Amino acid sequence: QVGYSLRTGLVPNALVGEAKLGYAGPKTY
């Protein structure tokens, strides 16, 4: 995922992102 965050006041806006790799099974994630 990748996105953009707008912040109020003097806080800088930012580009944000995340990548995940995993396993989703019936008993374990």
mmCIF file of all heavy atoms, coordinates in Angstrom:
data_MODEL
# 
_entry.id   MODEL 
# 
loop_
_atom_site.group_PDB 
_atom_site.id 
_atom_site.type_symbol 
_atom_site.label_atom_id 
_atom_site.label_alt_id 
_atom_site.label_comp_id 
_atom_site.label_asym_id 
_atom_site.label_entity_id 
_atom_site.label_seq_id 
_atom_site.pdbx_PDB_ins_code 
_atom_site.Cartn_x 
_atom_site.Cartn_y 
_atom_site.Cartn_z 
_atom_site.occupancy 
_atom_site.B_iso_or_equiv 
_atom_site.pdbx_formal_charge 
_atom_site.auth_seq_id 
_atom_site.auth_comp_id 
_atom_site.auth_asym_id 
_atom_site.auth_atom_id 
_atom_site.pdbx_PDB_model_num 
ATOM 1   N N   . GLN A 1 1  ? 0.835  -1.199  0.000  1.00 0.00 ? 1  GLN A N   1 
ATOM 2   C CA  . GLN A 1 1  ? 0.000  0.000   0.000  1.00 0.00 ? 1  GLN A CA  1 
ATOM 3   C C   . GLN A 1 1  ? 0.868  1.246   0.000  1.00 0.00 ? 1  GLN A C   1 
ATOM 4   O O   . GLN A 1 1  ? 1.987  1.253   0.510  1.00 0.00 ? 1  GLN A O   1 
ATOM 5   C CB  . GLN A 1 1  ? -0.922 0.020   1.214  1.00 0.00 ? 1  GLN A CB  1 
ATOM 6   C CG  . GLN A 1 1  ? -0.210 0.110   2.549  1.00 0.00 ? 1  GLN A CG  1 
ATOM 7   C CD  . GLN A 1 1  ? -1.178 0.332   3.703  1.00 0.00 ? 1  GLN A CD  1 
ATOM 8   O OE1 . GLN A 1 1  ? -1.800 1.387   3.805  1.00 0.00 ? 1  GLN A OE1 1 
ATOM 9   N NE2 . GLN A 1 1  ? -1.309 -0.677  4.547  1.00 0.00 ? 1  GLN A NE2 1 
ATOM 10  N N   . VAL A 1 2  ? 0.339  2.308   -0.588 1.00 0.00 ? 2  VAL A N   1 
ATOM 11  C CA  . VAL A 1 2  ? 1.015  3.596   -0.583 1.00 0.00 ? 2  VAL A CA  1 
ATOM 12  C C   . VAL A 1 2  ? -0.062 4.672   -0.537 1.00 0.00 ? 2  VAL A C   1 
ATOM 13  O O   . VAL A 1 2  ? -1.141 4.517   -1.124 1.00 0.00 ? 2  VAL A O   1 
ATOM 14  C CB  . VAL A 1 2  ? 1.930  3.776   -1.819 1.00 0.00 ? 2  VAL A CB  1 
ATOM 15  C CG1 . VAL A 1 2  ? 1.126  3.792   -3.106 1.00 0.00 ? 2  VAL A CG1 1 
ATOM 16  C CG2 . VAL A 1 2  ? 2.787  5.025   -1.691 1.00 0.00 ? 2  VAL A CG2 1 
ATOM 17  N N   . GLY A 1 3  ? 0.222  5.743   0.205  1.00 0.00 ? 3  GLY A N   1 
ATOM 18  C CA  . GLY A 1 3  ? -0.777 6.789   0.344  1.00 0.00 ? 3  GLY A CA  1 
ATOM 19  C C   . GLY A 1 3  ? -0.143 8.108   0.737  1.00 0.00 ? 3  GLY A C   1 
ATOM 20  O O   . GLY A 1 3  ? 1.083  8.230   0.854  1.00 0.00 ? 3  GLY A O   1 
ATOM 21  N N   . TYR A 1 4  ? -0.991 9.089   0.958  1.00 0.00 ? 4  TYR A N   1 
ATOM 22  C CA  . TYR A 1 4  ? -0.520 10.424  1.322  1.00 0.00 ? 4  TYR A CA  1 
ATOM 23  C C   . TYR A 1 4  ? -1.362 10.931  2.479  1.00 0.00 ? 4  TYR A C   1 
ATOM 24  O O   . TYR A 1 4  ? -2.581 10.695  2.532  1.00 0.00 ? 4  TYR A O   1 
ATOM 25  C CB  . TYR A 1 4  ? -0.633 11.380  0.139  1.00 0.00 ? 4  TYR A CB  1 
ATOM 26  C CG  . TYR A 1 4  ? 0.234  12.607  0.295  1.00 0.00 ? 4  TYR A CG  1 
ATOM 27  C CD1 . TYR A 1 4  ? 1.612  12.536  0.119  1.00 0.00 ? 4  TYR A CD1 1 
ATOM 28  C CD2 . TYR A 1 4  ? -0.321 13.837  0.624  1.00 0.00 ? 4  TYR A CD2 1 
ATOM 29  C CE1 . TYR A 1 4  ? 2.412  13.649  0.266  1.00 0.00 ? 4  TYR A CE1 1 
ATOM 30  C CE2 . TYR A 1 4  ? 0.469  14.964  0.767  1.00 0.00 ? 4  TYR A CE2 1 
ATOM 31  C CZ  . TYR A 1 4  ? 1.843  14.863  0.593  1.00 0.00 ? 4  TYR A CZ  1 
ATOM 32  O OH  . TYR A 1 4  ? 2.641  15.972  0.753  1.00 0.00 ? 4  TYR A OH  1 
ATOM 33  N N   . SER A 1 5  ? -0.703 11.615  3.412  1.00 0.00 ? 5  SER A N   1 
ATOM 34  C CA  . SER A 1 5  ? -1.352 12.096  4.622  1.00 0.00 ? 5  SER A CA  1 
ATOM 35  C C   . SER A 1 5  ? -1.215 13.607  4.720  1.00 0.00 ? 5  SER A C   1 
ATOM 36  O O   . SER A 1 5  ? -0.098 14.137  4.739  1.00 0.00 ? 5  SER A O   1 
ATOM 37  C CB  . SER A 1 5  ? -0.720 11.423  5.851  1.00 0.00 ? 5  SER A CB  1 
ATOM 38  O OG  . SER A 1 5  ? -1.310 11.878  7.048  1.00 0.00 ? 5  SER A OG  1 
ATOM 39  N N   . LEU A 1 6  ? -2.347 14.301  4.781  1.00 0.00 ? 6  LEU A N   1 
ATOM 40  C CA  . LEU A 1 6  ? -2.377 15.747  4.967  1.00 0.00 ? 6  LEU A CA  1 
ATOM 41  C C   . LEU A 1 6  ? -2.548 16.043  6.445  1.00 0.00 ? 6  LEU A C   1 
ATOM 42  O O   . LEU A 1 6  ? -3.450 15.502  7.095  1.00 0.00 ? 6  LEU A O   1 
ATOM 43  C CB  . LEU A 1 6  ? -3.523 16.375  4.175  1.00 0.00 ? 6  LEU A CB  1 
ATOM 44  C CG  . LEU A 1 6  ? -3.521 16.158  2.655  1.00 0.00 ? 6  LEU A CG  1 
ATOM 45  C CD1 . LEU A 1 6  ? -4.806 16.711  2.044  1.00 0.00 ? 6  LEU A CD1 1 
ATOM 46  C CD2 . LEU A 1 6  ? -2.306 16.831  2.023  1.00 0.00 ? 6  LEU A CD2 1 
ATOM 47  N N   . ARG A 1 7  ? -1.694 16.911  7.006  1.00 0.00 ? 7  ARG A N   1 
ATOM 48  C CA  . ARG A 1 7  ? -1.733 17.229  8.424  1.00 0.00 ? 7  ARG A CA  1 
ATOM 49  C C   . ARG A 1 7  ? -2.000 18.719  8.630  1.00 0.00 ? 7  ARG A C   1 
ATOM 50  O O   . ARG A 1 7  ? -1.531 19.552  7.855  1.00 0.00 ? 7  ARG A O   1 
ATOM 51  C CB  . ARG A 1 7  ? -0.402 16.870  9.093  1.00 0.00 ? 7  ARG A CB  1 
ATOM 52  C CG  . ARG A 1 7  ? -0.191 15.344  9.264  1.00 0.00 ? 7  ARG A CG  1 
ATOM 53  C CD  . ARG A 1 7  ? 0.508  14.711  8.066  1.00 0.00 ? 7  ARG A CD  1 
ATOM 54  N NE  . ARG A 1 7  ? 0.662  13.265  8.185  1.00 0.00 ? 7  ARG A NE  1 
ATOM 55  C CZ  . ARG A 1 7  ? 1.732  12.677  8.707  1.00 0.00 ? 7  ARG A CZ  1 
ATOM 56  N NH1 . ARG A 1 7  ? 2.741  13.391  9.147  1.00 0.00 ? 7  ARG A NH1 1 
ATOM 57  N NH2 . ARG A 1 7  ? 1.785  11.360  8.800  1.00 0.00 ? 7  ARG A NH2 1 
ATOM 58  N N   . THR A 1 8  ? -2.719 19.057  9.672  1.00 0.00 ? 8  THR A N   1 
ATOM 59  C CA  . THR A 1 8  ? -3.031 20.447  9.965  1.00 0.00 ? 8  THR A CA  1 
ATOM 60  C C   . THR A 1 8  ? -1.899 21.105  10.757 1.00 0.00 ? 8  THR A C   1 
ATOM 61  O O   . THR A 1 8  ? -0.983 20.443  11.254 1.00 0.00 ? 8  THR A O   1 
ATOM 62  C CB  . THR A 1 8  ? -4.336 20.554  10.765 1.00 0.00 ? 8  THR A CB  1 
ATOM 63  O OG1 . THR A 1 8  ? -4.189 19.820  12.000 1.00 0.00 ? 8  THR A OG1 1 
ATOM 64  C CG2 . THR A 1 8  ? -5.500 19.986  9.984  1.00 0.00 ? 8  THR A CG2 1 
ATOM 65  N N   . GLY A 1 9  ? -1.983 22.429  10.878 1.00 0.00 ? 9  GLY A N   1 
ATOM 66  C CA  . GLY A 1 9  ? -0.984 23.169  11.638 1.00 0.00 ? 9  GLY A CA  1 
ATOM 67  C C   . GLY A 1 9  ? 0.356  23.179  10.938 1.00 0.00 ? 9  GLY A C   1 
ATOM 68  O O   . GLY A 1 9  ? 0.444  23.221  9.712  1.00 0.00 ? 9  GLY A O   1 
ATOM 69  N N   . LEU A 1 10 ? 1.419  23.121  11.732 1.00 0.00 ? 10 LEU A N   1 
ATOM 70  C CA  . LEU A 1 10 ? 2.778  23.152  11.194 1.00 0.00 ? 10 LEU A CA  1 
ATOM 71  C C   . LEU A 1 10 ? 3.363  21.769  10.951 1.00 0.00 ? 10 LEU A C   1 
ATOM 72  O O   . LEU A 1 10 ? 4.534  21.636  10.604 1.00 0.00 ? 10 LEU A O   1 
ATOM 73  C CB  . LEU A 1 10 ? 3.692  23.938  12.150 1.00 0.00 ? 10 LEU A CB  1 
ATOM 74  C CG  . LEU A 1 10 ? 3.321  25.405  12.373 1.00 0.00 ? 10 LEU A CG  1 
ATOM 75  C CD1 . LEU A 1 10 ? 4.251  26.031  13.395 1.00 0.00 ? 10 LEU A CD1 1 
ATOM 76  C CD2 . LEU A 1 10 ? 3.355  26.170  11.063 1.00 0.00 ? 10 LEU A CD2 1 
ATOM 77  N N   . VAL A 1 11 ? 2.557  20.727  11.143 1.00 0.00 ? 11 VAL A N   1 
ATOM 78  C CA  . VAL A 1 11 ? 3.044  19.356  10.959 1.00 0.00 ? 11 VAL A CA  1 
ATOM 79  C C   . VAL A 1 11 ? 3.147  19.060  9.469  1.00 0.00 ? 11 VAL A C   1 
ATOM 80  O O   . VAL A 1 11 ? 2.165  19.220  8.727  1.00 0.00 ? 11 VAL A O   1 
ATOM 81  C CB  . VAL A 1 11 ? 2.112  18.345  11.641 1.00 0.00 ? 11 VAL A CB  1 
ATOM 82  C CG1 . VAL A 1 11 ? 2.639  16.925  11.459 1.00 0.00 ? 11 VAL A CG1 1 
ATOM 83  C CG2 . VAL A 1 11 ? 1.970  18.671  13.117 1.00 0.00 ? 11 VAL A CG2 1 
ATOM 84  N N   . PRO A 1 12 ? 4.316  18.625  8.962  1.00 0.00 ? 12 PRO A N   1 
ATOM 85  C CA  . PRO A 1 12 ? 4.473  18.384  7.523  1.00 0.00 ? 12 PRO A CA  1 
ATOM 86  C C   . PRO A 1 12 ? 3.579  17.249  7.017  1.00 0.00 ? 12 PRO A C   1 
ATOM 87  O O   . PRO A 1 12 ? 3.364  16.261  7.729  1.00 0.00 ? 12 PRO A O   1 
ATOM 88  C CB  . PRO A 1 12 ? 5.957  18.004  7.380  1.00 0.00 ? 12 PRO A CB  1 
ATOM 89  C CG  . PRO A 1 12 ? 6.618  18.524  8.612  1.00 0.00 ? 12 PRO A CG  1 
ATOM 90  C CD  . PRO A 1 12 ? 5.586  18.436  9.698  1.00 0.00 ? 12 PRO A CD  1 
ATOM 91  N N   . ASN A 1 13 ? 3.066  17.406  5.808  1.00 0.00 ? 13 ASN A N   1 
ATOM 92  C CA  . ASN A 1 13 ? 2.385  16.295  5.146  1.00 0.00 ? 13 ASN A CA  1 
ATOM 93  C C   . ASN A 1 13 ? 3.399  15.198  4.851  1.00 0.00 ? 13 ASN A C   1 
ATOM 94  O O   . ASN A 1 13 ? 4.613  15.414  4.891  1.00 0.00 ? 13 ASN A O   1 
ATOM 95  C CB  . ASN A 1 13 ? 1.738  16.775  3.851  1.00 0.00 ? 13 ASN A CB  1 
ATOM 96  C CG  . ASN A 1 13 ? 0.732  17.887  4.077  1.00 0.00 ? 13 ASN A CG  1 
ATOM 97  O OD1 . ASN A 1 13 ? 0.112  17.959  5.130  1.00 0.00 ? 13 ASN A OD1 1 
ATOM 98  N ND2 . ASN A 1 13 ? 0.593  18.767  3.101  1.00 0.00 ? 13 ASN A ND2 1 
ATOM 99  N N   . ALA A 1 14 ? 2.910  13.986  4.523  1.00 0.00 ? 14 ALA A N   1 
ATOM 100 C CA  . ALA A 1 14 ? 3.856  12.886  4.348  1.00 0.00 ? 14 ALA A CA  1 
ATOM 101 C C   . ALA A 1 14 ? 3.339  11.829  3.382  1.00 0.00 ? 14 ALA A C   1 
ATOM 102 O O   . ALA A 1 14 ? 2.133  11.561  3.298  1.00 0.00 ? 14 ALA A O   1 
ATOM 103 C CB  . ALA A 1 14 ? 4.164  12.227  5.694  1.00 0.00 ? 14 ALA A CB  1 
ATOM 104 N N   . LEU A 1 15 ? 4.285  11.239  2.642  1.00 0.00 ? 15 LEU A N   1 
ATOM 105 C CA  . LEU A 1 15 ? 4.046  10.039  1.846  1.00 0.00 ? 15 LEU A CA  1 
ATOM 106 C C   . LEU A 1 15 ? 4.285  8.838   2.755  1.00 0.00 ? 15 LEU A C   1 
ATOM 107 O O   . LEU A 1 15 ? 5.304  8.762   3.439  1.00 0.00 ? 15 LEU A O   1 
ATOM 108 C CB  . LEU A 1 15 ? 5.003  10.001  0.660  1.00 0.00 ? 15 LEU A CB  1 
ATOM 109 C CG  . LEU A 1 15 ? 4.899  8.800   -0.279 1.00 0.00 ? 15 LEU A CG  1 
ATOM 110 C CD1 . LEU A 1 15 ? 3.608  8.850   -1.090 1.00 0.00 ? 15 LEU A CD1 1 
ATOM 111 C CD2 . LEU A 1 15 ? 6.111  8.749   -1.217 1.00 0.00 ? 15 LEU A CD2 1 
ATOM 112 N N   . VAL A 1 16 ? 3.333  7.902   2.773  1.00 0.00 ? 16 VAL A N   1 
ATOM 113 C CA  . VAL A 1 16 ? 3.441  6.744   3.662  1.00 0.00 ? 16 VAL A CA  1 
ATOM 114 C C   . VAL A 1 16 ? 3.185  5.464   2.872  1.00 0.00 ? 16 VAL A C   1 
ATOM 115 O O   . VAL A 1 16 ? 2.472  5.473   1.860  1.00 0.00 ? 16 VAL A O   1 
ATOM 116 C CB  . VAL A 1 16 ? 2.455  6.834   4.847  1.00 0.00 ? 16 VAL A CB  1 
ATOM 117 C CG1 . VAL A 1 16 ? 2.821  8.002   5.766  1.00 0.00 ? 16 VAL A CG1 1 
ATOM 118 C CG2 . VAL A 1 16 ? 1.022  6.999   4.349  1.00 0.00 ? 16 VAL A CG2 1 
ATOM 119 N N   . GLY A 1 17 ? 3.751  4.358   3.333  1.00 0.00 ? 17 GLY A N   1 
ATOM 120 C CA  . GLY A 1 17 ? 3.545  3.089   2.649  1.00 0.00 ? 17 GLY A CA  1 
ATOM 121 C C   . GLY A 1 17 ? 3.935  1.909   3.504  1.00 0.00 ? 17 GLY A C   1 
ATOM 122 O O   . GLY A 1 17 ? 4.596  2.055   4.546  1.00 0.00 ? 17 GLY A O   1 
ATOM 123 N N   . GLU A 1 18 ? 3.518  0.737   3.046  1.00 0.00 ? 18 GLU A N   1 
ATOM 124 C CA  . GLU A 1 18 ? 3.812  -0.484  3.790  1.00 0.00 ? 18 GLU A CA  1 
ATOM 125 C C   . GLU A 1 18 ? 3.745  -1.686  2.849  1.00 0.00 ? 18 GLU A C   1 
ATOM 126 O O   . GLU A 1 18 ? 2.927  -1.707  1.920  1.00 0.00 ? 18 GLU A O   1 
ATOM 127 C CB  . GLU A 1 18 ? 2.815  -0.667  4.937  1.00 0.00 ? 18 GLU A CB  1 
ATOM 128 C CG  . GLU A 1 18 ? 3.104  -1.859  5.840  1.00 0.00 ? 18 GLU A CG  1 
ATOM 129 C CD  . GLU A 1 18 ? 2.125  -1.945  7.000  1.00 0.00 ? 18 GLU A CD  1 
ATOM 130 O OE1 . GLU A 1 18 ? 0.901  -1.895  6.745  1.00 0.00 ? 18 GLU A OE1 1 
ATOM 131 O OE2 . GLU A 1 18 ? 2.575  -2.058  8.151  1.00 0.00 ? 18 GLU A OE2 1 
ATOM 132 N N   . ALA A 1 19 ? 4.595  -2.674  3.086  1.00 0.00 ? 19 ALA A N   1 
ATOM 133 C CA  . ALA A 1 19 ? 4.551  -3.935  2.343  1.00 0.00 ? 19 ALA A CA  1 
ATOM 134 C C   . ALA A 1 19 ? 4.528  -5.078  3.354  1.00 0.00 ? 19 ALA A C   1 
ATOM 135 O O   . ALA A 1 19 ? 5.208  -5.023  4.384  1.00 0.00 ? 19 ALA A O   1 
ATOM 136 C CB  . ALA A 1 19 ? 5.760  -4.070  1.429  1.00 0.00 ? 19 ALA A CB  1 
ATOM 137 N N   . LYS A 1 20 ? 3.728  -6.114  3.058  1.00 0.00 ? 20 LYS A N   1 
ATOM 138 C CA  . LYS A 1 20 ? 3.608  -7.272  3.949  1.00 0.00 ? 20 LYS A CA  1 
ATOM 139 C C   . LYS A 1 20 ? 3.734  -8.554  3.144  1.00 0.00 ? 20 LYS A C   1 
ATOM 140 O O   . LYS A 1 20 ? 3.295  -8.635  1.997  1.00 0.00 ? 20 LYS A O   1 
ATOM 141 C CB  . LYS A 1 20 ? 2.250  -7.284  4.660  1.00 0.00 ? 20 LYS A CB  1 
ATOM 142 C CG  . LYS A 1 20 ? 1.971  -6.114  5.562  1.00 0.00 ? 20 LYS A CG  1 
ATOM 143 C CD  . LYS A 1 20 ? 0.589  -6.270  6.187  1.00 0.00 ? 20 LYS A CD  1 
ATOM 144 C CE  . LYS A 1 20 ? 0.215  -5.101  7.059  1.00 0.00 ? 20 LYS A CE  1 
ATOM 145 N NZ  . LYS A 1 20 ? -1.130 -5.247  7.645  1.00 0.00 ? 20 LYS A NZ  1 
ATOM 146 N N   . LEU A 1 21 ? 4.298  -9.548  3.778  1.00 0.00 ? 21 LEU A N   1 
ATOM 147 C CA  . LEU A 1 21 ? 4.345  -10.900 3.230  1.00 0.00 ? 21 LEU A CA  1 
ATOM 148 C C   . LEU A 1 21 ? 4.028  -11.850 4.370  1.00 0.00 ? 21 LEU A C   1 
ATOM 149 O O   . LEU A 1 21 ? 4.605  -11.740 5.458  1.00 0.00 ? 21 LEU A O   1 
ATOM 150 C CB  . LEU A 1 21 ? 5.731  -11.206 2.663  1.00 0.00 ? 21 LEU A CB  1 
ATOM 151 C CG  . LEU A 1 21 ? 5.914  -12.586 2.018  1.00 0.00 ? 21 LEU A CG  1 
ATOM 152 C CD1 . LEU A 1 21 ? 5.019  -12.734 0.798  1.00 0.00 ? 21 LEU A CD1 1 
ATOM 153 C CD2 . LEU A 1 21 ? 7.376  -12.808 1.645  1.00 0.00 ? 21 LEU A CD2 1 
ATOM 154 N N   . GLY A 1 22 ? 3.069  -12.771 4.138  1.00 0.00 ? 22 GLY A N   1 
ATOM 155 C CA  . GLY A 1 22 ? 2.683  -13.618 5.251  1.00 0.00 ? 22 GLY A CA  1 
ATOM 156 C C   . GLY A 1 22 ? 1.926  -14.862 4.852  1.00 0.00 ? 22 GLY A C   1 
ATOM 157 O O   . GLY A 1 22 ? 1.808  -15.204 3.659  1.00 0.00 ? 22 GLY A O   1 
ATOM 158 N N   . TYR A 1 23 ? 1.386  -15.513 5.863  1.00 0.00 ? 23 TYR A N   1 
ATOM 159 C CA  . TYR A 1 23 ? 0.615  -16.748 5.695  1.00 0.00 ? 23 TYR A CA  1 
ATOM 160 C C   . TYR A 1 23 ? -0.642 -16.643 6.548  1.00 0.00 ? 23 TYR A C   1 
ATOM 161 O O   . TYR A 1 23 ? -0.583 -16.318 7.746  1.00 0.00 ? 23 TYR A O   1 
ATOM 162 C CB  . TYR A 1 23 ? 1.427  -17.961 6.117  1.00 0.00 ? 23 TYR A CB  1 
ATOM 163 C CG  . TYR A 1 23 ? 0.615  -19.232 6.226  1.00 0.00 ? 23 TYR A CG  1 
ATOM 164 C CD1 . TYR A 1 23 ? 0.244  -19.945 5.086  1.00 0.00 ? 23 TYR A CD1 1 
ATOM 165 C CD2 . TYR A 1 23 ? 0.199  -19.710 7.460  1.00 0.00 ? 23 TYR A CD2 1 
ATOM 166 C CE1 . TYR A 1 23 ? -0.524 -21.090 5.174  1.00 0.00 ? 23 TYR A CE1 1 
ATOM 167 C CE2 . TYR A 1 23 ? -0.559 -20.860 7.569  1.00 0.00 ? 23 TYR A CE2 1 
ATOM 168 C CZ  . TYR A 1 23 ? -0.925 -21.553 6.416  1.00 0.00 ? 23 TYR A CZ  1 
ATOM 169 O OH  . TYR A 1 23 ? -1.689 -22.688 6.508  1.00 0.00 ? 23 TYR A OH  1 
ATOM 170 N N   . ALA A 1 24 ? -1.798 -16.893 5.943  1.00 0.00 ? 24 ALA A N   1 
ATOM 171 C CA  . ALA A 1 24 ? -3.081 -16.876 6.643  1.00 0.00 ? 24 ALA A CA  1 
ATOM 172 C C   . ALA A 1 24 ? -3.714 -18.252 6.516  1.00 0.00 ? 24 ALA A C   1 
ATOM 173 O O   . ALA A 1 24 ? -4.253 -18.600 5.456  1.00 0.00 ? 24 ALA A O   1 
ATOM 174 C CB  . ALA A 1 24 ? -3.990 -15.801 6.069  1.00 0.00 ? 24 ALA A CB  1 
ATOM 175 N N   . GLY A 1 25 ? -3.621 -19.043 7.574  1.00 0.00 ? 25 GLY A N   1 
ATOM 176 C CA  . GLY A 1 25 ? -4.189 -20.384 7.584  1.00 0.00 ? 25 GLY A CA  1 
ATOM 177 C C   . GLY A 1 25 ? -5.333 -20.477 8.570  1.00 0.00 ? 25 GLY A C   1 
ATOM 178 O O   . GLY A 1 25 ? -5.655 -19.514 9.275  1.00 0.00 ? 25 GLY A O   1 
ATOM 179 N N   . PRO A 1 26 ? -5.958 -21.637 8.666  1.00 0.00 ? 26 PRO A N   1 
ATOM 180 C CA  . PRO A 1 26 ? -7.115 -21.792 9.559  1.00 0.00 ? 26 PRO A CA  1 
ATOM 181 C C   . PRO A 1 26 ? -6.752 -21.681 11.038 1.00 0.00 ? 26 PRO A C   1 
ATOM 182 O O   . PRO A 1 26 ? -7.584 -21.306 11.851 1.00 0.00 ? 26 PRO A O   1 
ATOM 183 C CB  . PRO A 1 26 ? -7.636 -23.196 9.220  1.00 0.00 ? 26 PRO A CB  1 
ATOM 184 C CG  . PRO A 1 26 ? -6.463 -23.894 8.594  1.00 0.00 ? 26 PRO A CG  1 
ATOM 185 C CD  . PRO A 1 26 ? -5.690 -22.849 7.879  1.00 0.00 ? 26 PRO A CD  1 
ATOM 186 N N   . LYS A 1 27 ? -5.507 -21.975 11.400 1.00 0.00 ? 27 LYS A N   1 
ATOM 187 C CA  . LYS A 1 27 ? -5.104 -21.942 12.811 1.00 0.00 ? 27 LYS A CA  1 
ATOM 188 C C   . LYS A 1 27 ? -3.980 -20.964 13.105 1.00 0.00 ? 27 LYS A C   1 
ATOM 189 O O   . LYS A 1 27 ? -3.677 -20.703 14.274 1.00 0.00 ? 27 LYS A O   1 
ATOM 190 C CB  . LYS A 1 27 ? -4.661 -23.343 13.251 1.00 0.00 ? 27 LYS A CB  1 
ATOM 191 C CG  . LYS A 1 27 ? -5.764 -24.383 13.264 1.00 0.00 ? 27 LYS A CG  1 
ATOM 192 C CD  . LYS A 1 27 ? -6.806 -24.056 14.338 1.00 0.00 ? 27 LYS A CD  1 
ATOM 193 C CE  . LYS A 1 27 ? -7.858 -25.150 14.439 1.00 0.00 ? 27 LYS A CE  1 
ATOM 194 N NZ  . LYS A 1 27 ? -8.881 -24.836 15.473 1.00 0.00 ? 27 LYS A NZ  1 
ATOM 195 N N   . THR A 1 28 ? -3.373 -20.407 12.067 1.00 0.00 ? 28 THR A N   1 
ATOM 196 C CA  . THR A 1 28 ? -2.207 -19.550 12.281 1.00 0.00 ? 28 THR A CA  1 
ATOM 197 C C   . THR A 1 28 ? -2.188 -18.414 11.269 1.00 0.00 ? 28 THR A C   1 
ATOM 198 O O   . THR A 1 28 ? -2.506 -18.609 10.095 1.00 0.00 ? 28 THR A O   1 
ATOM 199 C CB  . THR A 1 28 ? -0.901 -20.357 12.138 1.00 0.00 ? 28 THR A CB  1 
ATOM 200 O OG1 . THR A 1 28 ? -0.922 -21.454 13.048 1.00 0.00 ? 28 THR A OG1 1 
ATOM 201 C CG2 . THR A 1 28 ? 0.309  -19.483 12.466 1.00 0.00 ? 28 THR A CG2 1 
ATOM 202 N N   . TYR A 1 29 ? -1.825 -17.236 11.760 1.00 0.00 ? 29 TYR A N   1 
ATOM 203 C CA  . TYR A 1 29 ? -1.608 -16.076 10.891 1.00 0.00 ? 29 TYR A CA  1 
ATOM 204 C C   . TYR A 1 29 ? -0.231 -15.507 11.222 1.00 0.00 ? 29 TYR A C   1 
ATOM 205 O O   . TYR A 1 29 ? 0.061  -15.185 12.383 1.00 0.00 ? 29 TYR A O   1 
ATOM 206 C CB  . TYR A 1 29 ? -2.688 -15.021 11.120 1.00 0.00 ? 29 TYR A CB  1 
ATOM 207 C CG  . TYR A 1 29 ? -2.499 -13.761 10.290 1.00 0.00 ? 29 TYR A CG  1 
ATOM 208 C CD1 . TYR A 1 29 ? -3.131 -13.622 9.057  1.00 0.00 ? 29 TYR A CD1 1 
ATOM 209 C CD2 . TYR A 1 29 ? -1.695 -12.714 10.741 1.00 0.00 ? 29 TYR A CD2 1 
ATOM 210 C CE1 . TYR A 1 29 ? -2.970 -12.474 8.292  1.00 0.00 ? 29 TYR A CE1 1 
ATOM 211 C CE2 . TYR A 1 29 ? -1.525 -11.568 9.983  1.00 0.00 ? 29 TYR A CE2 1 
ATOM 212 C CZ  . TYR A 1 29 ? -2.166 -11.450 8.768  1.00 0.00 ? 29 TYR A CZ  1 
ATOM 213 O OH  . TYR A 1 29 ? -2.003 -10.328 8.011  1.00 0.00 ? 29 TYR A OH  1 
# 
